[in-house]
Amino acid sequence: MNGDWIRRHSWFRDAGDVTRFHTLRTIRQQSVAHHSWGVATLLLHVWPEAPASVLRAALWHDVAEIETGDMPAPIKWANPELKKELDRIEARAHAQWDILPDLSTRERTVLKFCDMADLVFWSWEEVCLGNRNAAIVFRRGLLFLRQRMAAQDGESMPAYTRCRELLVYFTDLERKEGLNDSTTK
């Protein structure tokens, strides 16, 4: 009996327990598994006909973080060499466990949008629970989504239409709650 798939599944389950936002005071914890579920379900709402390969990527996109932890984005932004090394470690894990399928540019774009939109949803929920610390995460995530969709301006795809609808929804929440730059610094 070849048990490689069993070891792989066990490794994936362990990866799901990696904690996200470990450097931010939070009301609730979010694991890689919880986040990946959010990304996958959001993907299916944004793009109901998404190919199985994109859904697989949504579910498995962060499992290599069992090797590195979920390194906060600001640390990677401030340390390009560290980011390069983390990317190398994660790429090695992706190759070893055949994690991520080859995706088209459009597929990667929608997947990354859903990845960041889940972050925005999670941070919004934290803000609603009273965690003003999460407002900066919400704002940064929303800025990323705005930039990502601006780059797709003129692109036609049903998933892009739904992504734009979600962006409007988040922008309305931001306005309604007054989460502008002065409240998130």
Protein backbone atom coordinates (compact mmCIF):
# COMPACT_ATOMS: atom_id res chain seq x y z
CA MET A 1 0.00 0.00 0.00
CA ASN A 2 1.32 3.42 -0.96
CA GLY A 3 0.65 5.75 1.97
CA ASP A 4 2.01 8.95 0.41
CA TRP A 5 -1.45 10.44 0.13
CA ILE A 6 -2.09 9.71 3.82
CA ARG A 7 1.11 11.52 4.86
CA ARG A 8 0.20 14.37 2.54
CA HIS A 9 -3.29 14.62 4.01
CA SER A 10 -1.87 14.60 7.54
CA TRP A 11 0.56 17.37 6.59
CA PHE A 12 -2.33 19.41 5.12
CA ARG A 13 -4.37 18.94 8.32
CA ASP A 14 -1.44 20.17 10.40
CA ALA A 15 -1.03 23.13 8.05
CA GLY A 16 -4.66 24.06 8.65
CA ASP A 17 -3.82 24.70 12.30
CA VAL A 18 -1.31 27.46 11.51
CA THR A 19 -2.50 30.65 13.18
CA ARG A 20 -2.95 33.80 11.12
CA PHE A 21 -2.58 37.34 12.52
CA HIS A 22 -0.39 36.13 15.37
CA THR A 23 1.24 39.56 15.74
CA LEU A 24 -2.07 41.43 16.02
CA ARG A 25 -4.22 41.51 19.14
CA THR A 26 -7.44 39.86 18.03
CA ILE A 27 -10.75 38.89 19.59
CA ARG A 28 -10.93 35.65 17.60
CA GLN A 29 -8.17 33.57 16.13
CA GLN A 30 -8.16 32.58 12.50
CA SER A 31 -6.37 29.48 11.26
CA VAL A 32 -5.17 28.73 7.76
CA ALA A 33 -8.00 26.17 7.52
CA HIS A 34 -10.64 28.75 8.48
CA HIS A 35 -9.18 31.26 6.03
CA SER A 36 -8.93 28.71 3.20
CA TRP A 37 -12.57 27.72 3.73
CA GLY A 38 -13.49 31.40 3.51
CA VAL A 39 -11.52 31.83 0.29
CA ALA A 40 -13.03 28.72 -1.30
CA THR A 41 -16.63 29.59 -0.40
CA LEU A 42 -16.13 33.17 -1.54
CA LEU A 43 -14.63 31.91 -4.80
CA LEU A 44 -17.72 29.79 -5.43
CA HIS A 45 -19.99 32.78 -4.77
CA VAL A 46 -17.95 35.07 -7.01
CA TRP A 47 -17.38 32.45 -9.71
CA PRO A 48 -19.88 29.57 -9.39
CA GLU A 49 -18.42 27.86 -12.50
CA ALA A 50 -14.80 28.10 -11.29
CA PRO A 51 -12.70 25.21 -12.55
CA ALA A 52 -11.82 22.52 -10.01
CA SER A 53 -8.15 23.54 -10.26
CA VAL A 54 -8.97 27.04 -8.98
CA LEU A 55 -11.08 25.66 -6.14
CA ARG A 56 -8.20 23.34 -5.23
CA ALA A 57 -5.83 26.31 -5.22
CA ALA A 58 -8.25 28.22 -2.97
CA LEU A 59 -8.29 25.38 -0.46
CA TRP A 60 -4.55 24.73 -0.53
CA HIS A 61 -2.97 28.11 -1.30
CA ASP A 62 -1.56 28.65 2.22
CA VAL A 63 -0.73 25.11 3.37
CA ALA A 64 2.99 25.68 2.79
CA GLU A 65 2.83 28.12 5.71
CA ILE A 66 3.32 25.10 7.95
CA GLU A 67 6.98 25.51 6.95
CA THR A 68 7.16 29.28 7.60
CA GLY A 69 4.19 30.30 9.70
CA ASP A 70 1.92 33.06 8.47
CA MET A 71 4.46 35.84 8.20
CA PRO A 72 2.76 39.26 8.49
CA ALA A 73 2.69 41.15 5.19
CA PRO A 74 4.24 44.35 6.64
CA ILE A 75 7.32 42.32 7.66
CA LYS A 76 7.65 40.99 4.11
CA TRP A 77 7.15 44.46 2.63
CA ALA A 78 9.89 45.88 4.85
CA ASN A 79 12.30 42.99 4.22
CA PRO A 80 12.45 41.98 0.55
CA GLU A 81 15.23 39.45 1.17
CA LEU A 82 13.16 37.74 3.87
CA LYS A 83 10.18 37.66 1.51
CA LYS A 84 12.34 36.09 -1.20
CA GLU A 85 13.54 33.38 1.22
CA LEU A 86 10.00 32.69 2.47
CA ASP A 87 8.80 32.43 -1.13
CA ARG A 88 11.63 29.96 -1.85
CA ILE A 89 10.70 27.80 1.16
CA GLU A 90 7.01 27.84 0.25
CA ALA A 91 7.77 27.03 -3.41
CA ARG A 92 9.80 24.02 -2.29
CA ALA A 93 6.85 22.79 -0.20
CA HIS A 94 4.45 23.42 -3.10
CA ALA A 95 6.64 21.33 -5.38
CA GLN A 96 7.19 18.56 -2.84
CA TRP A 97 3.49 18.11 -2.17
CA ASP A 98 2.18 19.13 -5.63
CA ILE A 99 -0.01 21.75 -4.00
CA LEU A 100 -0.76 24.45 -6.52
CA PRO A 101 -1.94 23.81 -10.06
CA ASP A 102 -0.90 26.00 -12.94
CA LEU A 103 -3.49 28.75 -13.21
CA SER A 104 -4.11 31.32 -15.92
CA THR A 105 -3.58 34.99 -15.16
CA ARG A 106 -7.34 35.51 -14.84
CA GLU A 107 -7.67 32.53 -12.50
CA ARG A 108 -4.81 33.80 -10.30
CA THR A 109 -6.35 37.27 -10.27
CA VAL A 110 -9.75 36.05 -9.06
CA LEU A 111 -8.12 33.72 -6.53
CA LYS A 112 -5.96 36.52 -5.10
CA PHE A 113 -8.98 38.80 -4.95
CA CYS A 114 -10.89 36.18 -2.94
CA ASP A 115 -7.85 35.60 -0.73
CA MET A 116 -7.67 39.29 0.18
CA ALA A 117 -11.46 39.67 0.35
CA ASP A 118 -11.53 36.96 3.02
CA LEU A 119 -8.96 39.00 4.97
CA VAL A 120 -11.19 42.06 4.60
CA PHE A 121 -14.26 40.10 5.75
CA TRP A 122 -12.38 38.73 8.78
CA SER A 123 -10.97 42.13 9.76
CA TRP A 124 -14.41 43.74 9.35
CA GLU A 125 -15.90 41.12 11.68
CA GLU A 126 -13.14 41.91 14.21
CA VAL A 127 -13.95 45.64 13.97
CA CYS A 128 -17.65 44.87 14.52
CA LEU A 129 -16.72 42.91 17.65
CA GLY A 130 -14.92 46.00 18.96
CA ASN A 131 -11.35 45.40 17.80
CA ARG A 132 -10.26 48.75 16.41
CA ASN A 133 -6.77 47.26 15.85
CA ALA A 134 -8.25 45.31 12.94
CA ALA A 135 -9.29 48.52 11.18
CA ILE A 136 -5.79 48.94 9.72
CA VAL A 137 -5.98 45.40 8.31
CA PHE A 138 -9.38 46.22 6.83
CA ARG A 139 -8.07 49.43 5.23
CA ARG A 140 -4.92 47.83 3.81
CA GLY A 141 -6.89 44.90 2.43
CA LEU A 142 -9.46 47.21 0.88
CA LEU A 143 -6.72 49.31 -0.70
CA PHE A 144 -5.21 46.15 -2.21
CA LEU A 145 -8.61 45.11 -3.61
CA ARG A 146 -9.15 48.55 -5.12
CA GLN A 147 -5.76 48.44 -6.80
CA ARG A 148 -6.33 44.88 -8.04
CA MET A 149 -9.70 45.74 -9.57
CA ALA A 150 -8.38 48.99 -11.09
CA ALA A 151 -5.79 46.87 -12.90
CA GLN A 152 -8.68 44.80 -14.34
CA ASP A 153 -10.60 47.85 -15.57
CA GLY A 154 -12.19 47.03 -18.88
CA GLU A 155 -11.76 43.28 -18.38
CA SER A 156 -14.96 41.36 -18.88
CA MET A 157 -15.64 38.22 -16.90
CA PRO A 158 -18.64 37.46 -14.67
CA ALA A 159 -16.33 36.87 -11.70
CA TYR A 160 -14.85 40.36 -12.13
CA THR A 161 -18.37 41.84 -11.99
CA ARG A 162 -19.00 40.10 -8.67
CA CYS A 163 -15.60 41.15 -7.36
CA ARG A 164 -16.48 44.75 -8.19
CA GLU A 165 -19.83 44.33 -6.37
CA LEU A 166 -17.96 43.08 -3.32
CA LEU A 167 -15.58 46.03 -3.51
CA VAL A 168 -18.56 48.42 -3.50
CA TYR A 169 -19.98 46.58 -0.48
CA PHE A 170 -16.70 46.94 1.46
CA THR A 171 -16.36 50.59 0.45
CA ASP A 172 -19.87 51.28 1.76
CA LEU A 173 -18.97 49.61 5.07
CA GLU A 174 -15.83 51.72 5.29
CA ARG A 175 -17.79 54.93 4.67
CA LYS A 176 -20.63 54.02 7.03
CA GLU A 177 -18.25 53.24 9.89
CA GLY A 178 -15.89 56.13 9.20
CA LEU A 179 -12.86 53.88 8.88
CA ASN A 180 -10.72 56.49 7.20
CA ASP A 181 -6.98 56.93 7.53
CA SER A 182 -7.22 59.05 10.68
CA THR A 183 -8.99 56.27 12.59
CA THR A 184 -6.60 53.51 11.58
CA LYS A 185 -3.16 54.95 12.24
